[in-house]
Amino acid sequence: MPTTLDSKKHRLNLRTTRQQRKLIEVAASLCGEDMTDFVITSAYNRAAQVLADRRHFELSADRWKKFVAALDRRPAPNLRLRRLLSEPSVLER
């Protein structure tokens, strides 16, 4: 993410409630950042996360068949996971 002042040429205007602004101010302060840097970094990281989950990829017909077969294959038995899922959760104890 570009951070130099020379590269910051575009403005982003936002409207918030008083409560939203206060929460953002407190969080930015705790992180040692000004509000602008905090908001931009948070929005940038969230956008990168959203886009990473939706990237387009292509496979040859043979690789596609192998990919689909791997998705359809039953997972190997995992006794530790089975035991974990059969126990009551910490919230149910």
Protein backbone atom coordinates (compact mmCIF):
# COMPACT_ATOMS: atom_id res chain seq x y z
CA MET A 1 0.00 0.00 0.00
CA PRO A 2 1.56 3.35 -1.01
CA THR A 3 2.21 5.57 1.98
CA THR A 4 4.20 8.55 0.74
CA LEU A 5 2.54 11.94 0.75
CA ASP A 6 3.33 12.35 -2.95
CA SER A 7 1.15 9.37 -3.83
CA LYS A 8 -1.85 10.57 -1.80
CA LYS A 9 -3.72 12.57 -4.41
CA HIS A 10 -7.28 11.35 -3.96
CA ARG A 11 -9.74 12.31 -1.24
CA LEU A 12 -12.24 9.97 0.39
CA ASN A 13 -15.13 11.63 2.24
CA LEU A 14 -17.04 9.65 4.83
CA ARG A 15 -20.02 10.35 7.06
CA THR A 16 -20.26 8.68 10.46
CA THR A 17 -22.39 8.77 13.55
CA ARG A 18 -20.89 10.34 16.66
CA GLN A 19 -20.56 6.85 18.17
CA GLN A 20 -18.74 5.45 15.11
CA ARG A 21 -16.32 8.37 15.03
CA LYS A 22 -15.52 8.06 18.74
CA LEU A 23 -14.90 4.32 18.44
CA ILE A 24 -12.57 4.85 15.47
CA GLU A 25 -10.74 7.66 17.28
CA VAL A 26 -10.15 5.49 20.35
CA ALA A 27 -8.96 2.51 18.30
CA ALA A 28 -6.64 4.69 16.19
CA SER A 29 -5.20 6.25 19.34
CA LEU A 30 -4.56 2.83 20.87
CA CYS A 31 -2.71 1.83 17.70
CA GLY A 32 -0.66 5.03 17.74
CA GLU A 33 -2.11 6.18 14.43
CA ASP A 34 -4.04 9.22 13.35
CA MET A 35 -7.62 8.60 12.33
CA THR A 36 -6.97 8.94 8.59
CA ASP A 37 -4.18 6.35 8.55
CA PHE A 38 -6.21 4.01 10.73
CA VAL A 39 -9.30 4.21 8.52
CA ILE A 40 -7.36 3.90 5.26
CA THR A 41 -5.29 0.95 6.51
CA SER A 42 -8.39 -0.81 7.88
CA ALA A 43 -10.39 -0.28 4.68
CA TYR A 44 -7.45 -1.30 2.49
CA ASN A 45 -6.86 -4.53 4.45
CA ARG A 46 -10.57 -5.42 4.39
CA ALA A 47 -10.78 -4.75 0.64
CA ALA A 48 -7.72 -6.94 0.02
CA GLN A 49 -9.30 -9.72 2.09
CA VAL A 50 -12.62 -9.53 0.22
CA LEU A 51 -10.91 -9.56 -3.17
CA ALA A 52 -8.58 -12.40 -2.24
CA ASP A 53 -11.62 -14.62 -1.72
CA ARG A 54 -12.99 -13.83 -5.17
CA ARG A 55 -10.05 -14.14 -7.52
CA HIS A 56 -10.51 -15.76 -10.90
CA PHE A 57 -8.33 -18.73 -11.81
CA GLU A 58 -8.18 -21.02 -14.80
CA LEU A 59 -7.27 -24.67 -15.12
CA SER A 60 -6.84 -27.00 -18.06
CA ALA A 61 -9.60 -29.58 -18.51
CA ASP A 62 -7.40 -32.30 -16.98
CA ARG A 63 -6.42 -30.19 -13.98
CA TRP A 64 -10.05 -29.12 -13.49
CA LYS A 65 -11.12 -32.78 -13.29
CA LYS A 66 -8.40 -33.46 -10.70
CA PHE A 67 -9.41 -30.35 -8.74
CA VAL A 68 -13.08 -31.36 -8.66
CA ALA A 69 -12.15 -34.94 -7.73
CA ALA A 70 -10.08 -33.62 -4.81
CA LEU A 71 -13.03 -31.51 -3.63
CA ASP A 72 -15.42 -34.44 -3.88
CA ARG A 73 -13.11 -36.94 -2.15
CA ARG A 74 -14.09 -37.81 1.42
CA PRO A 75 -11.57 -36.59 3.98
CA ALA A 76 -9.34 -39.08 5.75
CA PRO A 77 -10.56 -40.14 9.20
CA ASN A 78 -9.37 -37.80 11.93
CA LEU A 79 -9.89 -39.32 15.36
CA ARG A 80 -8.72 -36.25 17.26
CA LEU A 81 -11.17 -34.04 15.37
CA ARG A 82 -14.00 -36.55 15.88
CA ARG A 83 -13.28 -36.62 19.64
CA LEU A 84 -13.14 -32.82 19.78
CA LEU A 85 -16.47 -32.42 18.00
CA SER A 86 -18.17 -35.02 20.19
CA GLU A 87 -17.23 -33.26 23.45
CA PRO A 88 -19.33 -30.42 24.89
CA SER A 89 -17.93 -27.00 24.02
CA VAL A 90 -16.48 -24.78 26.75
CA LEU A 91 -19.69 -22.74 26.52
CA GLU A 92 -21.82 -25.78 27.30
CA ARG A 93 -19.87 -26.92 30.36
